Amino acid sequence: NADNTDKDDDSMISYISSSSDSSVDKKKNEVPEAVNKCEKNISQKAYWIQRTLREAIYGKVKYAIVLKKISPNNLPSDQVVEWEVTNEACAVKEQSWQQIKRERRRYAENPIQEVAAM
């Protein structure tokens, strides 16, 4: 099951790193919880959020499985996109934009520069 935490418009997602994970099955799955953060019909990958790994200053770091798009790119927008589970895993950093604006001068970390560096 995917981690069903609150998803609101003030969160900023950063994809931190990826690695191979042999514990993930390579099979075709319907994954409605998959989060595709790239432009529509361009991205071939999505990130299936699994669980929170750690709390962070401005949000959370989450474990995700990388999904590969198996549906054609030219589907009408009302069609279901199918994804295949890969053996690749990654960490996803979810940050609250409101919290960043409110507290960014309190800490040495600068999340805006962190995201810009990506």
C-alpha atoms as a PDB file:
ATOM      1  CA  ASN A   1       0.000   0.000   0.000  1.00  0.00           C
ATOM      2  CA  ALA A   2       1.150   3.477  -0.773  1.00  0.00           C
ATOM      3  CA  ASP A   3       1.564   6.062   1.951  1.00  0.00           C
ATOM      4  CA  ASN A   4      -1.637   8.106   1.915  1.00  0.00           C
ATOM      5  CA  THR A   5      -0.472  11.318   3.536  1.00  0.00           C
ATOM      6  CA  ASP A   6      -2.037  14.712   2.901  1.00  0.00           C
ATOM      7  CA  LYS A   7      -1.189  15.992  -0.562  1.00  0.00           C
ATOM      8  CA  ASP A   8      -1.752  19.720  -0.975  1.00  0.00           C
ATOM      9  CA  ASP A   9      -0.682  22.365  -3.432  1.00  0.00           C
ATOM     10  CA  ASP A  10       1.912  23.845  -1.097  1.00  0.00           C
ATOM     11  CA  SER A  11       4.256  20.863  -1.211  1.00  0.00           C
ATOM     12  CA  MET A  12       7.458  20.811  -3.210  1.00  0.00           C
ATOM     13  CA  ILE A  13       8.775  17.397  -4.294  1.00  0.00           C
ATOM     14  CA  SER A  14      12.475  16.662  -4.858  1.00  0.00           C
ATOM     15  CA  TYR A  15      13.699  13.373  -6.282  1.00  0.00           C
ATOM     16  CA  ILE A  16      16.890  12.734  -4.363  1.00  0.00           C
ATOM     17  CA  SER A  17      18.548   9.494  -5.400  1.00  0.00           C
ATOM     18  CA  SER A  18      17.839   6.111  -6.864  1.00  0.00           C
ATOM     19  CA  SER A  19      19.246   2.650  -6.431  1.00  0.00           C
ATOM     20  CA  SER A  20      18.530  -0.917  -7.435  1.00  0.00           C
ATOM     21  CA  ASP A  21      16.273  -2.895  -5.130  1.00  0.00           C
ATOM     22  CA  SER A  22      15.927  -6.594  -5.915  1.00  0.00           C
ATOM     23  CA  SER A  23      13.005  -6.959  -3.492  1.00  0.00           C
ATOM     24  CA  VAL A  24      10.645  -5.190  -5.921  1.00  0.00           C
ATOM     25  CA  ASP A  25       8.690  -7.532  -8.229  1.00  0.00           C
ATOM     26  CA  LYS A  26       8.921  -6.832 -11.953  1.00  0.00           C
ATOM     27  CA  LYS A  27       5.322  -7.292 -12.994  1.00  0.00           C
ATOM     28  CA  LYS A  28       2.538  -5.265 -14.511  1.00  0.00           C
ATOM     29  CA  ASN A  29       0.460  -3.532 -11.823  1.00  0.00           C
ATOM     30  CA  GLU A  30      -2.260  -0.937 -11.740  1.00  0.00           C
ATOM     31  CA  VAL A  31      -0.930   1.735  -9.419  1.00  0.00           C
ATOM     32  CA  PRO A  32      -3.456   4.535  -8.907  1.00  0.00           C
ATOM     33  CA  GLU A  33      -1.295   6.051  -6.147  1.00  0.00           C
ATOM     34  CA  ALA A  34       1.611   6.623  -8.529  1.00  0.00           C
ATOM     35  CA  VAL A  35       2.727  10.216  -8.650  1.00  0.00           C
ATOM     36  CA  ASN A  36       3.858  11.456 -12.038  1.00  0.00           C
ATOM     37  CA  LYS A  37       5.456  14.867 -11.457  1.00  0.00           C
ATOM     38  CA  CYS A  38       6.545  15.542 -15.053  1.00  0.00           C
ATOM     39  CA  GLU A  39       4.630  17.145 -17.886  1.00  0.00           C
ATOM     40  CA  LYS A  40       1.706  15.193 -19.305  1.00  0.00           C
ATOM     41  CA  ASN A  41       2.552  12.739 -22.128  1.00  0.00           C
ATOM     42  CA  ILE A  42       6.298  13.392 -21.811  1.00  0.00           C
ATOM     43  CA  SER A  43       7.439  11.430 -18.779  1.00  0.00           C
ATOM     44  CA  GLN A  44       8.166   7.745 -19.078  1.00  0.00           C
ATOM     45  CA  LYS A  45       8.606   7.366 -15.314  1.00  0.00           C
ATOM     46  CA  ALA A  46       6.433   7.794 -12.241  1.00  0.00           C
ATOM     47  CA  TYR A  47       7.152   7.366  -8.538  1.00  0.00           C
ATOM     48  CA  TRP A  48       5.020   5.047  -6.389  1.00  0.00           C
ATOM     49  CA  ILE A  49       5.331   6.427  -2.848  1.00  0.00           C
ATOM     50  CA  GLN A  50       5.543   3.576  -0.334  1.00  0.00           C
ATOM     51  CA  ARG A  51       6.348   4.942   3.110  1.00  0.00           C
ATOM     52  CA  THR A  52       7.991   7.748   5.050  1.00  0.00           C
ATOM     53  CA  LEU A  53      11.661   7.051   5.728  1.00  0.00           C
ATOM     54  CA  ARG A  54      12.399  10.066   7.876  1.00  0.00           C
ATOM     55  CA  GLU A  55      11.081  13.405   9.009  1.00  0.00           C
ATOM     56  CA  ALA A  56      13.046  16.366   7.621  1.00  0.00           C
ATOM     57  CA  ILE A  57      13.302  20.018   8.666  1.00  0.00           C
ATOM     58  CA  TYR A  58      10.839  21.193   6.025  1.00  0.00           C
ATOM     59  CA  GLY A  59       8.902  17.977   5.354  1.00  0.00           C
ATOM     60  CA  LYS A  60       9.558  14.259   4.907  1.00  0.00           C
ATOM     61  CA  VAL A  61      11.815  11.882   2.993  1.00  0.00           C
ATOM     62  CA  LYS A  62       9.847   9.036   1.465  1.00  0.00           C
ATOM     63  CA  TYR A  63      10.757   5.701  -0.113  1.00  0.00           C
ATOM     64  CA  ALA A  64       9.354   5.215  -3.609  1.00  0.00           C
ATOM     65  CA  ILE A  65       9.474   2.628  -6.360  1.00  0.00           C
ATOM     66  CA  VAL A  66      10.163   3.867  -9.881  1.00  0.00           C
ATOM     67  CA  LEU A  67       7.489   2.899 -12.404  1.00  0.00           C
ATOM     68  CA  LYS A  68       7.963   2.686 -16.173  1.00  0.00           C
ATOM     69  CA  LYS A  69       5.187   3.799 -18.508  1.00  0.00           C
ATOM     70  CA  ILE A  70       3.918   0.971 -20.718  1.00  0.00           C
ATOM     71  CA  SER A  71       0.975   2.755 -22.360  1.00  0.00           C
ATOM     72  CA  PRO A  72       1.484   4.667 -25.607  1.00  0.00           C
ATOM     73  CA  ASN A  73       2.219   8.395 -25.314  1.00  0.00           C
ATOM     74  CA  ASN A  74      -0.630   9.462 -27.581  1.00  0.00           C
ATOM     75  CA  LEU A  75      -3.545   8.291 -25.410  1.00  0.00           C
ATOM     76  CA  PRO A  76      -6.470  10.692 -24.985  1.00  0.00           C
ATOM     77  CA  SER A  77      -6.401  12.418 -21.594  1.00  0.00           C
ATOM     78  CA  ASP A  78      -9.393  10.410 -20.323  1.00  0.00           C
ATOM     79  CA  GLN A  79      -7.638   7.067 -20.890  1.00  0.00           C
ATOM     80  CA  VAL A  80      -5.972   5.071 -18.122  1.00  0.00           C
ATOM     81  CA  VAL A  81      -2.181   4.987 -18.252  1.00  0.00           C
ATOM     82  CA  GLU A  82      -0.559   1.669 -17.365  1.00  0.00           C
ATOM     83  CA  TRP A  83       2.704   1.445 -15.451  1.00  0.00           C
ATOM     84  CA  GLU A  84       5.170  -1.381 -14.867  1.00  0.00           C
ATOM     85  CA  VAL A  85       6.930  -1.787 -11.523  1.00  0.00           C
ATOM     86  CA  THR A  86      10.737  -1.688 -11.927  1.00  0.00           C
ATOM     87  CA  ASN A  87      13.547  -2.888  -9.648  1.00  0.00           C
ATOM     88  CA  GLU A  88      14.603   0.743  -9.163  1.00  0.00           C
ATOM     89  CA  ALA A  89      13.845   2.564  -5.918  1.00  0.00           C
ATOM     90  CA  CYS A  90      14.441   6.172  -4.932  1.00  0.00           C
ATOM     91  CA  ALA A  91      14.044   8.649  -2.120  1.00  0.00           C
ATOM     92  CA  VAL A  92      11.527  11.455  -2.605  1.00  0.00           C
ATOM     93  CA  LYS A  93      11.810  14.565  -0.474  1.00  0.00           C
ATOM     94  CA  GLU A  94       8.460  16.248   0.105  1.00  0.00           C
ATOM     95  CA  GLN A  95       8.657  19.775   1.488  1.00  0.00           C
ATOM     96  CA  SER A  96       5.996  22.257   2.562  1.00  0.00           C
ATOM     97  CA  TRP A  97       6.321  25.523   0.640  1.00  0.00           C
ATOM     98  CA  GLN A  98       4.517  27.413   3.413  1.00  0.00           C
ATOM     99  CA  GLN A  99       6.907  26.023   6.017  1.00  0.00           C
ATOM    100  CA  ILE A 100       9.933  26.912   3.866  1.00  0.00           C
ATOM    101  CA  LYS A 101       8.754  30.519   3.521  1.00  0.00           C
ATOM    102  CA  ARG A 102       7.926  30.738   7.226  1.00  0.00           C
ATOM    103  CA  GLU A 103      11.115  29.161   8.660  1.00  0.00           C
ATOM    104  CA  ARG A 104      13.878  29.421   6.059  1.00  0.00           C
ATOM    105  CA  ARG A 105      15.895  31.965   8.058  1.00  0.00           C
ATOM    106  CA  ARG A 106      15.930  29.731  11.163  1.00  0.00           C
ATOM    107  CA  TYR A 107      18.185  27.025   9.660  1.00  0.00           C
ATOM    108  CA  ALA A 108      21.464  26.888   7.749  1.00  0.00           C
ATOM    109  CA  GLU A 109      19.872  24.618   5.124  1.00  0.00           C
ATOM    110  CA  ASN A 110      18.439  26.396   2.094  1.00  0.00           C
ATOM    111  CA  PRO A 111      15.847  24.159   0.421  1.00  0.00           C
ATOM    112  CA  ILE A 112      15.376  26.575  -2.484  1.00  0.00           C
ATOM    113  CA  GLN A 113      19.067  26.284  -3.419  1.00  0.00           C
ATOM    114  CA  GLU A 114      18.881  22.514  -2.883  1.00  0.00           C
ATOM    115  CA  VAL A 115      16.102  22.172  -5.458  1.00  0.00           C
ATOM    116  CA  ALA A 116      17.788  24.638  -7.834  1.00  0.00           C
ATOM    117  CA  ALA A 117      20.925  22.464  -7.785  1.00  0.00           C
ATOM    118  CA  MET A 118      18.930  19.515  -9.091  1.00  0.00           C
END
